[in-house]
Amino acid sequence: MALQTVLTQMQSGITYQVIGVDTQSVEYTDKLYKMGFVEGTPVELASAKIGDPIVVHIRGSRIALRKNEANQIRVEEL
């Protein structure tokens, strides 16, 4: 079984896939989906020397999210 975690706990050099979004806001969930955070989509931690926000590679783009936002996105190792 693959290790499940949230975006802020991802390790560099490992590819994960999105498995869900835990948010109460329908508008914010829609925003995340439009940015590419759809179930099954591969995502990797980007090399960035900042702590907050975190930067990830998803669907050919680099996306920066605040840690409190990234903690709402569940992922698992591929």
C-alpha atoms as a PDB file:
ATOM      1  CA  MET A   1       0.000   0.000   0.000  1.00  0.00           C
ATOM      2  CA  ALA A   2       1.327   3.438  -0.940  1.00  0.00           C
ATOM      3  CA  LEU A   3       2.208   5.943   1.760  1.00  0.00           C
ATOM      4  CA  GLN A   4      -0.506   8.602   2.085  1.00  0.00           C
ATOM      5  CA  THR A   5       0.252  12.113   3.336  1.00  0.00           C
ATOM      6  CA  VAL A   6      -0.455  15.777   2.545  1.00  0.00           C
ATOM      7  CA  LEU A   7       1.402  18.106   0.191  1.00  0.00           C
ATOM      8  CA  THR A   8       3.431  19.763   2.979  1.00  0.00           C
ATOM      9  CA  GLN A   9       4.878  16.382   4.012  1.00  0.00           C
ATOM     10  CA  MET A  10       6.119  15.363   0.548  1.00  0.00           C
ATOM     11  CA  GLN A  11       9.793  14.503   0.170  1.00  0.00           C
ATOM     12  CA  SER A  12      11.986  15.848  -2.591  1.00  0.00           C
ATOM     13  CA  GLY A  13      12.748  13.390  -5.408  1.00  0.00           C
ATOM     14  CA  ILE A  14       9.601  11.292  -4.915  1.00  0.00           C
ATOM     15  CA  THR A  15       6.600  11.438  -7.245  1.00  0.00           C
ATOM     16  CA  TYR A  16       3.177  11.436  -5.621  1.00  0.00           C
ATOM     17  CA  GLN A  17      -0.348  11.498  -6.978  1.00  0.00           C
ATOM     18  CA  VAL A  18      -3.282  13.568  -5.778  1.00  0.00           C
ATOM     19  CA  ILE A  19      -5.895  11.452  -3.982  1.00  0.00           C
ATOM     20  CA  GLY A  20      -8.212  14.154  -2.678  1.00  0.00           C
ATOM     21  CA  VAL A  21      -8.864  17.612  -1.312  1.00  0.00           C
ATOM     22  CA  ASP A  22     -10.131  18.210   2.234  1.00  0.00           C
ATOM     23  CA  THR A  23     -11.723  21.634   2.290  1.00  0.00           C
ATOM     24  CA  GLN A  24     -15.121  22.972   3.289  1.00  0.00           C
ATOM     25  CA  SER A  25     -15.055  25.701   0.645  1.00  0.00           C
ATOM     26  CA  VAL A  26     -16.562  24.668  -2.686  1.00  0.00           C
ATOM     27  CA  GLU A  27     -15.028  27.738  -4.347  1.00  0.00           C
ATOM     28  CA  TYR A  28     -11.541  26.863  -3.098  1.00  0.00           C
ATOM     29  CA  THR A  29     -11.943  23.221  -4.153  1.00  0.00           C
ATOM     30  CA  ASP A  30     -12.893  24.418  -7.653  1.00  0.00           C
ATOM     31  CA  LYS A  31      -9.842  26.702  -7.711  1.00  0.00           C
ATOM     32  CA  LEU A  32      -7.543  23.788  -6.802  1.00  0.00           C
ATOM     33  CA  TYR A  33      -9.097  21.592  -9.506  1.00  0.00           C
ATOM     34  CA  LYS A  34      -8.570  24.343 -12.085  1.00  0.00           C
ATOM     35  CA  MET A  35      -4.884  24.539 -11.044  1.00  0.00           C
ATOM     36  CA  GLY A  36      -4.546  20.804 -11.761  1.00  0.00           C
ATOM     37  CA  PHE A  37      -5.036  19.178  -8.346  1.00  0.00           C
ATOM     38  CA  VAL A  38      -7.286  16.432  -9.706  1.00  0.00           C
ATOM     39  CA  GLU A  39      -7.332  12.886  -8.309  1.00  0.00           C
ATOM     40  CA  GLY A  40      -4.687  10.722  -9.982  1.00  0.00           C
ATOM     41  CA  THR A  41      -2.546  13.639 -11.185  1.00  0.00           C
ATOM     42  CA  PRO A  42       1.210  13.228 -10.506  1.00  0.00           C
ATOM     43  CA  VAL A  43       2.814  15.942  -8.357  1.00  0.00           C
ATOM     44  CA  GLU A  44       6.388  16.545  -7.164  1.00  0.00           C
ATOM     45  CA  LEU A  45       7.983  18.937  -4.712  1.00  0.00           C
ATOM     46  CA  ALA A  46       9.894  21.669  -6.564  1.00  0.00           C
ATOM     47  CA  SER A  47      13.273  22.795  -5.349  1.00  0.00           C
ATOM     48  CA  ALA A  48      12.703  26.137  -3.692  1.00  0.00           C
ATOM     49  CA  LYS A  49      14.540  27.700  -0.797  1.00  0.00           C
ATOM     50  CA  ILE A  50      11.461  29.104   0.853  1.00  0.00           C
ATOM     51  CA  GLY A  51       9.474  27.574   3.672  1.00  0.00           C
ATOM     52  CA  ASP A  52       6.073  29.105   3.145  1.00  0.00           C
ATOM     53  CA  PRO A  53       4.685  28.933   0.505  1.00  0.00           C
ATOM     54  CA  ILE A  54       5.740  25.541  -0.850  1.00  0.00           C
ATOM     55  CA  VAL A  55       6.238  25.055  -4.591  1.00  0.00           C
ATOM     56  CA  VAL A  56       5.181  21.934  -6.489  1.00  0.00           C
ATOM     57  CA  HIS A  57       5.381  20.696 -10.090  1.00  0.00           C
ATOM     58  CA  ILE A  58       2.020  19.613 -11.433  1.00  0.00           C
ATOM     59  CA  ARG A  59       0.924  19.201 -15.061  1.00  0.00           C
ATOM     60  CA  GLY A  60       3.990  21.021 -16.402  1.00  0.00           C
ATOM     61  CA  SER A  61       3.536  24.047 -14.121  1.00  0.00           C
ATOM     62  CA  ARG A  62       5.077  25.269 -10.886  1.00  0.00           C
ATOM     63  CA  ILE A  63       2.399  26.138  -8.331  1.00  0.00           C
ATOM     64  CA  ALA A  64       3.031  27.901  -5.014  1.00  0.00           C
ATOM     65  CA  LEU A  65       0.624  27.261  -2.148  1.00  0.00           C
ATOM     66  CA  ARG A  66       0.579  28.446   1.435  1.00  0.00           C
ATOM     67  CA  LYS A  67       1.190  25.638   3.899  1.00  0.00           C
ATOM     68  CA  ASN A  68      -2.325  25.896   5.345  1.00  0.00           C
ATOM     69  CA  GLU A  69      -3.684  25.435   1.791  1.00  0.00           C
ATOM     70  CA  ALA A  70      -1.278  22.607   0.955  1.00  0.00           C
ATOM     71  CA  ASN A  71      -2.275  20.742   4.128  1.00  0.00           C
ATOM     72  CA  GLN A  72      -5.729  20.266   2.577  1.00  0.00           C
ATOM     73  CA  ILE A  73      -4.416  18.294  -0.419  1.00  0.00           C
ATOM     74  CA  ARG A  74      -3.967  14.561   0.183  1.00  0.00           C
ATOM     75  CA  VAL A  75      -1.378  12.654  -1.864  1.00  0.00           C
ATOM     76  CA  GLU A  76       0.184   9.185  -2.003  1.00  0.00           C
ATOM     77  CA  GLU A  77       3.508   7.906  -3.319  1.00  0.00           C
ATOM     78  CA  LEU A  78       3.529   6.410  -6.803  1.00  0.00           C
END
